PDB file of N, CA and C in Angstrom:
ATOM      1  N   UNK A   1     -69.674 -78.882  62.262  1.00  0.00           N
ATOM      2  CA  UNK A   1     -69.374 -77.866  63.236  1.00  0.00           C
ATOM      3  C   UNK A   1     -68.170 -78.280  64.092  1.00  0.00           C
ATOM      4  N   UNK A   2     -68.023 -79.567  64.345  1.00  0.00           N
ATOM      5  CA  UNK A   2     -66.890 -80.041  65.141  1.00  0.00           C
ATOM      6  C   UNK A   2     -65.583 -79.704  64.426  1.00  0.00           C
ATOM      7  N   UNK A   3     -65.561 -79.879  63.121  1.00  0.00           N
ATOM      8  CA  UNK A   3     -64.358 -79.565  62.342  1.00  0.00           C
ATOM      9  C   UNK A   3     -64.001 -78.086  62.490  1.00  0.00           C
ATOM     10  N   UNK A   4     -64.984 -77.211  62.372  1.00  0.00           N
ATOM     11  CA  UNK A   4     -64.743 -75.778  62.519  1.00  0.00           C
ATOM     12  C   UNK A   4     -64.254 -75.454  63.927  1.00  0.00           C
ATOM     13  N   UNK A   5     -64.825 -76.135  64.912  1.00  0.00           N
ATOM     14  CA  UNK A   5     -64.386 -75.944  66.295  1.00  0.00           C
ATOM     15  C   UNK A   5     -62.908 -76.288  66.425  1.00  0.00           C
ATOM     16  N   UNK A   6     -62.533 -77.454  65.914  1.00  0.00           N
ATOM     17  CA  UNK A   6     -61.152 -77.910  66.036  1.00  0.00           C
ATOM     18  C   UNK A   6     -60.189 -76.985  65.306  1.00  0.00           C
ATOM     19  N   UNK A   7     -60.597 -76.437  64.174  1.00  0.00           N
ATOM     20  CA  UNK A   7     -59.739 -75.539  63.406  1.00  0.00           C
ATOM     21  C   UNK A   7     -59.650 -74.144  64.018  1.00  0.00           C
ATOM     22  N   UNK A   8     -60.640 -73.756  64.798  1.00  0.00           N
ATOM     23  CA  UNK A   8     -60.710 -72.387  65.316  1.00  0.00           C
ATOM     24  C   UNK A   8     -59.867 -72.142  66.559  1.00  0.00           C
ATOM     25  N   UNK A   9     -59.600 -73.188  67.314  1.00  0.00           N
ATOM     26  CA  UNK A   9     -58.898 -72.997  68.576  1.00  0.00           C
ATOM     27  C   UNK A   9     -59.827 -72.557  69.704  1.00  0.00           C
ATOM     28  N   UNK A  10     -61.134 -72.640  69.472  1.00  0.00           N
ATOM     29  CA  UNK A  10     -62.105 -72.272  70.504  1.00  0.00           C
ATOM     30  C   UNK A  10     -61.991 -73.229  71.688  1.00  0.00           C
ATOM     31  N   UNK A  11     -62.492 -72.791  72.833  1.00  0.00           N
ATOM     32  CA  UNK A  11     -62.427 -73.608  74.043  1.00  0.00           C
ATOM     33  C   UNK A  11     -63.752 -74.270  74.373  1.00  0.00           C
ATOM     34  N   UNK A  12     -64.789 -73.991  73.618  1.00  0.00           N
ATOM     35  CA  UNK A  12     -66.099 -74.580  73.849  1.00  0.00           C
ATOM     36  C   UNK A  12     -67.057 -74.165  72.746  1.00  0.00           C
ATOM     37  N   UNK A  13     -68.236 -74.766  72.751  1.00  0.00           N
ATOM     38  CA  UNK A  13     -69.260 -74.466  71.753  1.00  0.00           C
ATOM     39  C   UNK A  13     -70.550 -74.030  72.431  1.00  0.00           C
ATOM     40  N   UNK A  14     -71.177 -73.013  71.849  1.00  0.00           N
ATOM     41  CA  UNK A  14     -72.496 -72.567  72.288  1.00  0.00           C
ATOM     42  C   UNK A  14     -73.435 -72.704  71.099  1.00  0.00           C
ATOM     43  N   UNK A  15     -74.530 -73.419  71.292  1.00  0.00           N
ATOM     44  CA  UNK A  15     -75.549 -73.576  70.262  1.00  0.00           C
ATOM     45  C   UNK A  15     -76.734 -72.703  70.654  1.00  0.00           C
ATOM     46  N   UNK A  16     -77.102 -71.772  69.789  1.00  0.00           N
ATOM     47  CA  UNK A  16     -78.195 -70.842  70.054  1.00  0.00           C
ATOM     48  C   UNK A  16     -79.342 -71.163  69.104  1.00  0.00           C
ATOM     49  N   UNK A  17     -80.501 -71.464  69.654  1.00  0.00           N
ATOM     50  CA  UNK A  17     -81.625 -71.941  68.853  1.00  0.00           C
ATOM     51  C   UNK A  17     -82.911 -71.198  69.218  1.00  0.00           C
ATOM     52  N   UNK A  18     -83.726 -70.985  68.213  1.00  0.00           N
ATOM     53  CA  UNK A  18     -85.035 -70.375  68.412  1.00  0.00           C
ATOM     54  C   UNK A  18     -85.950 -71.351  69.145  1.00  0.00           C
ATOM     55  N   UNK A  19     -86.586 -70.856  70.197  1.00  0.00           N
ATOM     56  CA  UNK A  19     -87.503 -71.681  70.976  1.00  0.00           C
ATOM     57  C   UNK A  19     -88.618 -72.219  70.076  1.00  0.00           C
ATOM     58  N   UNK A  20     -88.989 -73.441  70.290  1.00  0.00           N
ATOM     59  CA  UNK A  20     -90.046 -74.148  69.560  1.00  0.00           C
ATOM     60  C   UNK A  20     -89.643 -74.526  68.132  1.00  0.00           C
ATOM     61  N   UNK A  21     -88.377 -74.402  67.783  1.00  0.00           N
ATOM     62  CA  UNK A  21     -87.899 -74.823  66.466  1.00  0.00           C
ATOM     63  C   UNK A  21     -87.333 -76.232  66.620  1.00  0.00           C
ATOM     64  N   UNK A  22     -88.198 -77.209  66.537  1.00  0.00           N
ATOM     65  CA  UNK A  22     -87.836 -78.588  66.854  1.00  0.00           C
ATOM     66  C   UNK A  22     -86.751 -79.158  65.943  1.00  0.00           C
ATOM     67  N   UNK A  23     -86.727 -78.748  64.691  1.00  0.00           N
ATOM     68  CA  UNK A  23     -85.701 -79.252  63.772  1.00  0.00           C
ATOM     69  C   UNK A  23     -84.309 -78.914  64.279  1.00  0.00           C
ATOM     70  N   UNK A  24     -84.097 -77.670  64.673  1.00  0.00           N
ATOM     71  CA  UNK A  24     -82.780 -77.264  65.157  1.00  0.00           C
ATOM     72  C   UNK A  24     -82.499 -77.816  66.546  1.00  0.00           C
ATOM     73  N   UNK A  25     -83.536 -78.009  67.344  1.00  0.00           N
ATOM     74  CA  UNK A  25     -83.323 -78.603  68.665  1.00  0.00           C
ATOM     75  C   UNK A  25     -82.824 -80.038  68.548  1.00  0.00           C
ATOM     76  N   UNK A  26     -83.287 -80.755  67.554  1.00  0.00           N
ATOM     77  CA  UNK A  26     -82.795 -82.118  67.324  1.00  0.00           C
ATOM     78  C   UNK A  26     -81.315 -82.077  66.979  1.00  0.00           C
ATOM     79  N   UNK A  27     -80.922 -81.106  66.156  1.00  0.00           N
ATOM     80  CA  UNK A  27     -79.508 -80.954  65.815  1.00  0.00           C
ATOM     81  C   UNK A  27     -78.681 -80.620  67.053  1.00  0.00           C
ATOM     82  N   UNK A  28     -79.241 -79.832  67.952  1.00  0.00           N
ATOM     83  CA  UNK A  28     -78.518 -79.468  69.174  1.00  0.00           C
ATOM     84  C   UNK A  28     -78.230 -80.701  70.018  1.00  0.00           C
ATOM     85  N   UNK A  29     -79.165 -81.636  70.055  1.00  0.00           N
ATOM     86  CA  UNK A  29     -78.961 -82.876  70.810  1.00  0.00           C
ATOM     87  C   UNK A  29     -77.806 -83.663  70.206  1.00  0.00           C
ATOM     88  N   UNK A  30     -77.789 -83.773  68.892  1.00  0.00           N
ATOM     89  CA  UNK A  30     -76.707 -84.499  68.219  1.00  0.00           C
ATOM     90  C   UNK A  30     -75.370 -83.790  68.412  1.00  0.00           C
ATOM     91  N   UNK A  31     -75.392 -82.474  68.359  1.00  0.00           N
ATOM     92  CA  UNK A  31     -74.162 -81.710  68.565  1.00  0.00           C
ATOM     93  C   UNK A  31     -73.651 -81.889  69.991  1.00  0.00           C
ATOM     94  N   UNK A  32     -74.571 -81.867  70.961  1.00  0.00           N
ATOM     95  CA  UNK A  32     -74.177 -82.086  72.357  1.00  0.00           C
ATOM     96  C   UNK A  32     -73.515 -83.459  72.516  1.00  0.00           C
ATOM     97  N   UNK A  33     -74.117 -84.468  71.921  1.00  0.00           N
ATOM     98  CA  UNK A  33     -73.556 -85.822  72.011  1.00  0.00           C
ATOM     99  C   UNK A  33     -72.163 -85.883  71.387  1.00  0.00           C
ATOM    100  N   UNK A  34     -71.987 -85.242  70.240  1.00  0.00           N
ATOM    101  CA  UNK A  34     -70.676 -85.228  69.576  1.00  0.00           C
ATOM    102  C   UNK A  34     -69.643 -84.510  70.440  1.00  0.00           C
ATOM    103  N   UNK A  35     -70.055 -83.433  71.079  1.00  0.00           N
ATOM    104  CA  UNK A  35     -69.144 -82.691  71.959  1.00  0.00           C
ATOM    105  C   UNK A  35     -68.774 -83.528  73.180  1.00  0.00           C
ATOM    106  N   UNK A  36     -69.752 -84.183  73.778  1.00  0.00           N
ATOM    107  CA  UNK A  36     -69.485 -85.015  74.952  1.00  0.00           C
ATOM    108  C   UNK A  36     -68.499 -86.134  74.623  1.00  0.00           C
ATOM    109  N   UNK A  37     -68.648 -86.746  73.457  1.00  0.00           N
ATOM    110  CA  UNK A  37     -67.736 -87.818  73.048  1.00  0.00           C
ATOM    111  C   UNK A  37     -66.297 -87.326  72.917  1.00  0.00           C
ATOM    112  N   UNK A  38     -66.140 -86.058  72.547  1.00  0.00           N
ATOM    113  CA  UNK A  38     -64.813 -85.489  72.321  1.00  0.00           C
ATOM    114  C   UNK A  38     -64.304 -84.654  73.495  1.00  0.00           C
ATOM    115  N   UNK A  39     -65.116 -84.535  74.536  1.00  0.00           N
ATOM    116  CA  UNK A  39     -64.712 -83.736  75.694  1.00  0.00           C
ATOM    117  C   UNK A  39     -64.735 -82.240  75.439  1.00  0.00           C
ATOM    118  N   UNK A  40     -65.578 -81.806  74.518  1.00  0.00           N
ATOM    119  CA  UNK A  40     -65.692 -80.384  74.180  1.00  0.00           C
ATOM    120  C   UNK A  40     -66.765 -79.754  75.063  1.00  0.00           C
ATOM    121  N   UNK A  41     -66.441 -78.695  75.802  1.00  0.00           N
ATOM    122  CA  UNK A  41     -67.464 -78.003  76.583  1.00  0.00           C
ATOM    123  C   UNK A  41     -68.569 -77.485  75.653  1.00  0.00           C
ATOM    124  N   UNK A  42     -69.816 -77.689  76.066  1.00  0.00           N
ATOM    125  CA  UNK A  42     -70.958 -77.361  75.211  1.00  0.00           C
ATOM    126  C   UNK A  42     -72.061 -76.727  76.040  1.00  0.00           C
ATOM    127  N   UNK A  43     -72.698 -75.734  75.448  1.00  0.00           N
ATOM    128  CA  UNK A  43     -73.837 -75.080  76.091  1.00  0.00           C
ATOM    129  C   UNK A  43     -74.912 -74.855  75.031  1.00  0.00           C
ATOM    130  N   UNK A  44     -76.135 -75.270  75.328  1.00  0.00           N
ATOM    131  CA  UNK A  44     -77.266 -75.040  74.425  1.00  0.00           C
ATOM    132  C   UNK A  44     -78.126 -73.927  75.003  1.00  0.00           C
ATOM    133  N   UNK A  45     -78.451 -72.967  74.168  1.00  0.00           N
ATOM    134  CA  UNK A  45     -79.320 -71.867  74.566  1.00  0.00           C
ATOM    135  C   UNK A  45     -80.540 -71.897  73.662  1.00  0.00           C
ATOM    136  N   UNK A  46     -81.698 -71.836  74.284  1.00  0.00           N
ATOM    137  CA  UNK A  46     -82.953 -71.786  73.538  1.00  0.00           C
ATOM    138  C   UNK A  46     -83.669 -70.511  73.951  1.00  0.00           C
ATOM    139  N   UNK A  47     -84.050 -69.695  72.976  1.00  0.00           N
ATOM    140  CA  UNK A  47     -84.645 -68.400  73.276  1.00  0.00           C
ATOM    141  C   UNK A  47     -85.728 -68.075  72.258  1.00  0.00           C
ATOM    142  N   UNK A  48     -86.647 -67.226  72.652  1.00  0.00           N
ATOM    143  CA  UNK A  48     -87.665 -66.756  71.714  1.00  0.00           C
ATOM    144  C   UNK A  48     -87.266 -65.405  71.113  1.00  0.00           C
ATOM    145  N   UNK A  49     -86.006 -65.044  71.264  1.00  0.00           N
ATOM    146  CA  UNK A  49     -85.434 -63.792  70.755  1.00  0.00           C
ATOM    147  C   UNK A  49     -86.065 -62.565  71.398  1.00  0.00           C
ATOM    148  N   UNK A  50     -86.598 -62.727  72.569  1.00  0.00           N
ATOM    149  CA  UNK A  50     -87.196 -61.612  73.289  1.00  0.00           C
ATOM    150  C   UNK A  50     -86.105 -60.773  73.950  1.00  0.00           C
ATOM    151  N   UNK A  51     -86.231 -59.459  73.910  1.00  0.00           N
ATOM    152  CA  UNK A  51     -85.263 -58.606  74.605  1.00  0.00           C
ATOM    153  C   UNK A  51     -85.221 -58.886  76.113  1.00  0.00           C
ATOM    154  N   UNK A  52     -86.299 -59.472  76.629  1.00  0.00           N
ATOM    155  CA  UNK A  52     -86.349 -59.797  78.052  1.00  0.00           C
ATOM    156  C   UNK A  52     -85.345 -60.877  78.428  1.00  0.00           C
ATOM    157  N   UNK A  53     -84.877 -61.646  77.456  1.00  0.00           N
ATOM    158  CA  UNK A  53     -83.932 -62.739  77.712  1.00  0.00           C
ATOM    159  C   UNK A  53     -82.486 -62.276  77.863  1.00  0.00           C
ATOM    160  N   UNK A  54     -82.191 -61.062  77.472  1.00  0.00           N
ATOM    161  CA  UNK A  54     -80.803 -60.604  77.377  1.00  0.00           C
ATOM    162  C   UNK A  54     -80.032 -60.783  78.679  1.00  0.00           C
ATOM    163  N   UNK A  55     -80.567 -60.348  79.781  1.00  0.00           N
ATOM    164  CA  UNK A  55     -79.866 -60.444  81.062  1.00  0.00           C
ATOM    165  C   UNK A  55     -79.579 -61.880  81.461  1.00  0.00           C
ATOM    166  N   UNK A  56     -80.575 -62.732  81.342  1.00  0.00           N
ATOM    167  CA  UNK A  56     -80.410 -64.139  81.703  1.00  0.00           C
ATOM    168  C   UNK A  56     -79.406 -64.825  80.779  1.00  0.00           C
ATOM    169  N   UNK A  57     -79.491 -64.547  79.483  1.00  0.00           N
ATOM    170  CA  UNK A  57     -78.559 -65.157  78.538  1.00  0.00           C
ATOM    171  C   UNK A  57     -77.132 -64.686  78.790  1.00  0.00           C
ATOM    172  N   UNK A  58     -76.979 -63.415  79.091  1.00  0.00           N
ATOM    173  CA  UNK A  58     -75.647 -62.884  79.379  1.00  0.00           C
ATOM    174  C   UNK A  58     -75.044 -63.591  80.592  1.00  0.00           C
ATOM    175  N   UNK A  59     -75.840 -63.772  81.627  1.00  0.00           N
ATOM    176  CA  UNK A  59     -75.370 -64.455  82.834  1.00  0.00           C
ATOM    177  C   UNK A  59     -74.970 -65.895  82.527  1.00  0.00           C
ATOM    178  N   UNK A  60     -75.780 -66.597  81.764  1.00  0.00           N
ATOM    179  CA  UNK A  60     -75.476 -67.996  81.423  1.00  0.00           C
ATOM    180  C   UNK A  60     -74.201 -68.108  80.594  1.00  0.00           C
ATOM    181  N   UNK A  61     -74.047 -67.229  79.608  1.00  0.00           N
ATOM    182  CA  UNK A  61     -72.853 -67.275  78.759  1.00  0.00           C
ATOM    183  C   UNK A  61     -71.610 -66.920  79.570  1.00  0.00           C
ATOM    184  N   UNK A  62     -71.710 -65.915  80.425  1.00  0.00           N
ATOM    185  CA  UNK A  62     -70.571 -65.546  81.275  1.00  0.00           C
ATOM    186  C   UNK A  62     -70.172 -66.704  82.183  1.00  0.00           C
ATOM    187  N   UNK A  63     -71.149 -67.405  82.747  1.00  0.00           N
ATOM    188  CA  UNK A  63     -70.857 -68.552  83.618  1.00  0.00           C
ATOM    189  C   UNK A  63     -70.194 -69.677  82.822  1.00  0.00           C
ATOM    190  N   UNK A  64     -70.653 -69.900  81.604  1.00  0.00           N
ATOM    191  CA  UNK A  64     -70.054 -70.932  80.752  1.00  0.00           C
ATOM    192  C   UNK A  64     -68.597 -70.584  80.440  1.00  0.00           C
ATOM    193  N   UNK A  65     -68.354 -69.339  80.090  1.00  0.00           N
ATOM    194  CA  UNK A  65     -66.985 -68.900  79.789  1.00  0.00           C
ATOM    195  C   UNK A  65     -66.099 -69.055  81.015  1.00  0.00           C
ATOM    196  N   UNK A  66     -66.616 -68.668  82.168  1.00  0.00           N
ATOM    197  CA  UNK A  66     -65.860 -68.820  83.417  1.00  0.00           C
ATOM    198  C   UNK A  66     -65.521 -70.289  83.672  1.00  0.00           C
ATOM    199  N   UNK A  67     -66.477 -71.150  83.423  1.00  0.00           N
ATOM    200  CA  UNK A  67     -66.298 -72.583  83.654  1.00  0.00           C
ATOM    201  C   UNK A  67     -65.202 -73.161  82.755  1.00  0.00           C
ATOM    202  N   UNK A  68     -65.164 -72.760  81.497  1.00  0.00           N
ATOM    203  CA  UNK A  68     -64.194 -73.375  80.583  1.00  0.00           C
ATOM    204  C   UNK A  68     -62.821 -72.710  80.621  1.00  0.00           C
ATOM    205  N   UNK A  69     -62.760 -71.488  81.134  1.00  0.00           N
ATOM    206  CA  UNK A  69     -61.462 -70.812  81.190  1.00  0.00           C
ATOM    207  C   UNK A  69     -60.827 -70.912  82.565  1.00  0.00           C
ATOM    208  N   UNK A  70     -61.606 -71.342  83.542  1.00  0.00           N
ATOM    209  CA  UNK A  70     -61.079 -71.553  84.883  1.00  0.00           C
ATOM    210  C   UNK A  70     -60.960 -70.291  85.624  1.00  0.00           C
TER     211      UNK A  70
END
């Protein structure tokens, strides 16, 4: 994923994972560590895919974008 990030010109990475899916959560930890080592802004989102999450997720993503774009 880091390679794709570097090739894309993106300014940060967002990892979106299904709540209680421990296999993917482990990958998110490794991805976060790889991003931190390279100075890549990173945000992990864990959700149960409930429509009730939409507002909160939108706010978090908007704040992340604001943070990385200044």
